[in-house]
Amino acid sequence: MNKFMQKAIDLSIDSVKNGGGPFAAVIVKDNEVIAAESNSVTKTNDPTAHAEVNAIRTACKSLETFDLSGCEIYTSCEPCPMCLGAIYWAHLEKVYFANTKSDAKDAGFDDSFIYEELEANIENRKIPFKQMMRSKAKIAFEMWNDMEDKLRY
C-alpha cells in the first residue's frame, strides 16, 4: 500500500516541477498499477483534468470497461467534489488519500464553495440555473426505460 501512495506523492511532486498542479492519483487492481496520472488542468486547458479523473479515464481505457469494481485509488489529496463523484460513478472500491481538503485549501485549492452550492436551492446558486424543455427532454429517459437490452452503468 505504501508504495502506491508514494507513487502518487512522487507524481504530484513531479507534476509541480513540470508546470502542472500538485495532485496525482494511482489506480491499482490485484496489487498492480493500472493507471498513474497527475493533474493536467493548466497543461491541457481542461478544468476536468484532475488527477483522479485522468487516472479513471486511463484505467477504464486500459481495462476496456467503465466499471472499475475491484480497483482502489491512491490519491495525493482528498478528492474534490467532482473527483468524488467520478470515483463513485467508476465504482472504485476504496480510496486512500494523503493530503486533506484542508491542506488543499491552505495551498489555494478551496472547494468548500462547491459543497455549499450543492446544498443551495437552485434559485440561490451563484451561477443562474433555469430549467427548460423538460417534457421534450424526458423522451430520452422514457426511451431508455423502455429498452430491454440496455447496458446499465
Protein backbone atom coordinates (compact mmCIF):
# COMPACT_ATOMS: atom_id res chain seq x y z
CA MET A 1 0.00 0.00 0.00
CA ASN A 2 2.68 2.48 0.96
CA LYS A 3 4.41 2.03 -2.41
CA PHE A 4 1.25 3.04 -4.28
CA MET A 5 0.72 6.13 -2.15
CA GLN A 6 4.38 7.02 -2.51
CA LYS A 7 3.97 6.76 -6.28
CA ALA A 8 1.02 9.18 -6.13
CA ILE A 9 3.01 11.58 -3.95
CA ASP A 10 6.05 11.38 -6.24
CA LEU A 11 3.84 12.04 -9.28
CA SER A 12 2.30 15.08 -7.57
CA ILE A 13 5.76 16.50 -6.89
CA ASP A 14 6.85 15.81 -10.48
CA SER A 15 3.69 17.49 -11.71
CA VAL A 16 4.56 20.70 -9.86
CA LYS A 17 8.13 20.56 -11.19
CA ASN A 18 6.75 20.27 -14.73
CA GLY A 19 4.17 23.05 -14.57
CA GLY A 20 1.15 21.01 -13.51
CA GLY A 21 -1.00 21.04 -10.40
CA PRO A 22 0.14 19.44 -7.12
CA PHE A 23 -2.10 16.40 -7.39
CA ALA A 24 -1.70 12.81 -8.60
CA ALA A 25 -3.57 9.52 -8.42
CA VAL A 26 -2.75 5.85 -8.89
CA ILE A 27 -5.36 3.15 -9.58
CA VAL A 28 -4.49 -0.39 -8.54
CA LYS A 29 -6.14 -3.73 -9.27
CA ASP A 30 -4.90 -7.01 -7.84
CA ASN A 31 -1.80 -5.25 -6.47
CA GLU A 32 -0.87 -3.98 -9.96
CA VAL A 33 -0.82 -0.34 -11.09
CA ILE A 34 -3.44 0.12 -13.80
CA ALA A 35 -3.14 3.91 -14.09
CA ALA A 36 -0.91 6.64 -12.67
CA GLU A 37 -1.78 10.21 -13.59
CA SER A 38 -1.30 13.74 -12.36
CA ASN A 39 -3.37 16.89 -12.62
CA SER A 40 -3.17 18.45 -16.08
CA VAL A 41 -5.73 21.26 -15.85
CA THR A 42 -3.38 24.07 -16.87
CA LYS A 43 -1.37 21.95 -19.31
CA THR A 44 -4.45 20.87 -21.29
CA ASN A 45 -6.75 23.82 -20.56
CA ASP A 46 -9.27 21.29 -19.25
CA PRO A 47 -10.85 22.11 -15.88
CA THR A 48 -11.93 18.46 -15.53
CA ALA A 49 -8.39 17.11 -15.92
CA HIS A 50 -7.90 16.46 -12.22
CA ALA A 51 -5.56 13.61 -11.28
CA GLU A 52 -8.33 11.26 -10.17
CA VAL A 53 -10.39 11.85 -13.34
CA ASN A 54 -7.31 11.41 -15.52
CA ALA A 55 -6.45 8.16 -13.71
CA ILE A 56 -10.03 6.88 -14.04
CA ARG A 57 -10.01 7.62 -17.77
CA THR A 58 -6.67 5.82 -18.22
CA ALA A 59 -7.73 2.82 -16.11
CA CYS A 60 -11.03 2.45 -17.96
CA LYS A 61 -9.25 2.60 -21.31
CA SER A 62 -6.63 0.09 -20.15
CA LEU A 63 -9.19 -2.36 -18.76
CA GLU A 64 -11.71 -1.65 -21.56
CA THR A 65 -14.56 -1.06 -19.11
CA PHE A 66 -16.41 1.78 -17.42
CA ASP A 67 -16.71 -0.24 -14.20
CA LEU A 68 -13.62 -0.21 -12.01
CA SER A 69 -15.02 -2.58 -9.39
CA GLY A 70 -12.14 -4.43 -7.82
CA CYS A 71 -9.87 -1.39 -8.09
CA GLU A 72 -8.58 1.01 -5.46
CA ILE A 73 -7.34 4.57 -5.88
CA TYR A 74 -4.41 6.19 -4.11
CA THR A 75 -4.53 9.95 -4.40
CA SER A 76 -2.13 12.57 -3.14
CA CYS A 77 -5.05 14.60 -1.77
CA GLU A 78 -8.58 14.04 -0.53
CA PRO A 79 -10.77 14.18 -3.66
CA CYS A 80 -12.72 17.31 -4.60
CA PRO A 81 -16.49 17.02 -5.22
CA MET A 82 -16.05 16.36 -8.96
CA CYS A 83 -13.46 13.64 -8.38
CA LEU A 84 -15.50 12.14 -5.57
CA GLY A 85 -18.45 11.86 -7.97
CA ALA A 86 -16.22 10.26 -10.61
CA ILE A 87 -14.89 7.78 -8.06
CA TYR A 88 -18.42 6.70 -7.17
CA TRP A 89 -19.54 6.51 -10.81
CA ALA A 90 -16.47 4.38 -11.62
CA HIS A 91 -17.30 2.01 -8.72
CA LEU A 92 -13.82 2.17 -7.21
CA GLU A 93 -13.82 0.09 -4.05
CA LYS A 94 -11.52 2.05 -1.76
CA VAL A 95 -9.92 5.47 -1.62
CA TYR A 96 -6.59 6.16 0.07
CA PHE A 97 -5.52 9.81 0.31
CA ALA A 98 -2.56 11.73 1.71
CA ASN A 99 -3.26 15.49 1.98
CA THR A 100 -6.64 16.62 3.30
CA LYS A 101 -9.06 19.06 1.71
CA SER A 102 -7.96 21.48 4.45
CA ASP A 103 -4.36 21.12 3.27
CA ALA A 104 -5.56 21.82 -0.28
CA LYS A 105 -7.44 24.89 0.94
CA ASP A 106 -4.28 26.17 2.62
CA ALA A 107 -2.48 25.77 -0.73
CA GLY A 108 -5.15 27.81 -2.54
CA PHE A 109 -7.41 24.97 -3.72
CA ASP A 110 -10.58 25.63 -1.75
CA ASP A 111 -13.58 23.64 -2.96
CA SER A 112 -15.85 24.38 0.02
CA PHE A 113 -17.93 26.73 -2.17
CA ILE A 114 -18.89 23.75 -4.36
CA TYR A 115 -20.19 21.82 -1.37
CA GLU A 116 -22.19 24.93 -0.40
CA GLU A 117 -23.58 25.25 -3.93
CA LEU A 118 -24.67 21.59 -3.91
CA GLU A 119 -26.70 22.24 -0.77
CA ALA A 120 -28.20 25.53 -2.02
CA ASN A 121 -31.60 25.71 -3.66
CA ILE A 122 -31.28 26.13 -7.41
CA GLU A 123 -32.64 29.68 -7.26
CA ASN A 124 -29.96 30.63 -4.70
CA ARG A 125 -26.90 29.34 -6.57
CA LYS A 126 -24.21 31.78 -7.67
CA ILE A 127 -24.48 30.59 -11.29
CA PRO A 128 -28.07 31.03 -12.51
CA PHE A 129 -29.90 27.79 -13.32
CA LYS A 130 -33.04 27.77 -15.47
CA GLN A 131 -34.92 24.61 -16.32
CA MET A 132 -36.42 24.42 -19.80
CA MET A 133 -37.98 21.95 -22.27
CA ARG A 134 -38.32 19.18 -19.68
CA SER A 135 -41.18 17.39 -21.44
CA LYS A 136 -39.16 17.10 -24.65
CA ALA A 137 -36.03 16.00 -22.81
CA LYS A 138 -37.91 13.31 -20.88
CA ILE A 139 -38.40 11.42 -24.16
CA ALA A 140 -34.81 10.16 -23.92
CA PHE A 141 -35.46 8.83 -20.39
CA GLU A 142 -38.69 7.19 -21.49
CA MET A 143 -36.89 5.51 -24.38
CA TRP A 144 -34.14 4.37 -22.01
CA ASN A 145 -36.67 2.95 -19.55
CA ASP A 146 -38.39 1.03 -22.37
CA MET A 147 -35.17 -0.55 -23.63
CA GLU A 148 -34.84 -4.17 -22.61
CA ASP A 149 -31.22 -4.66 -23.69
CA LYS A 150 -29.68 -1.54 -22.16
CA LEU A 151 -26.26 -1.67 -20.59
CA ARG A 152 -26.70 -0.20 -17.10
CA TYR A 153 -23.93 1.84 -15.57
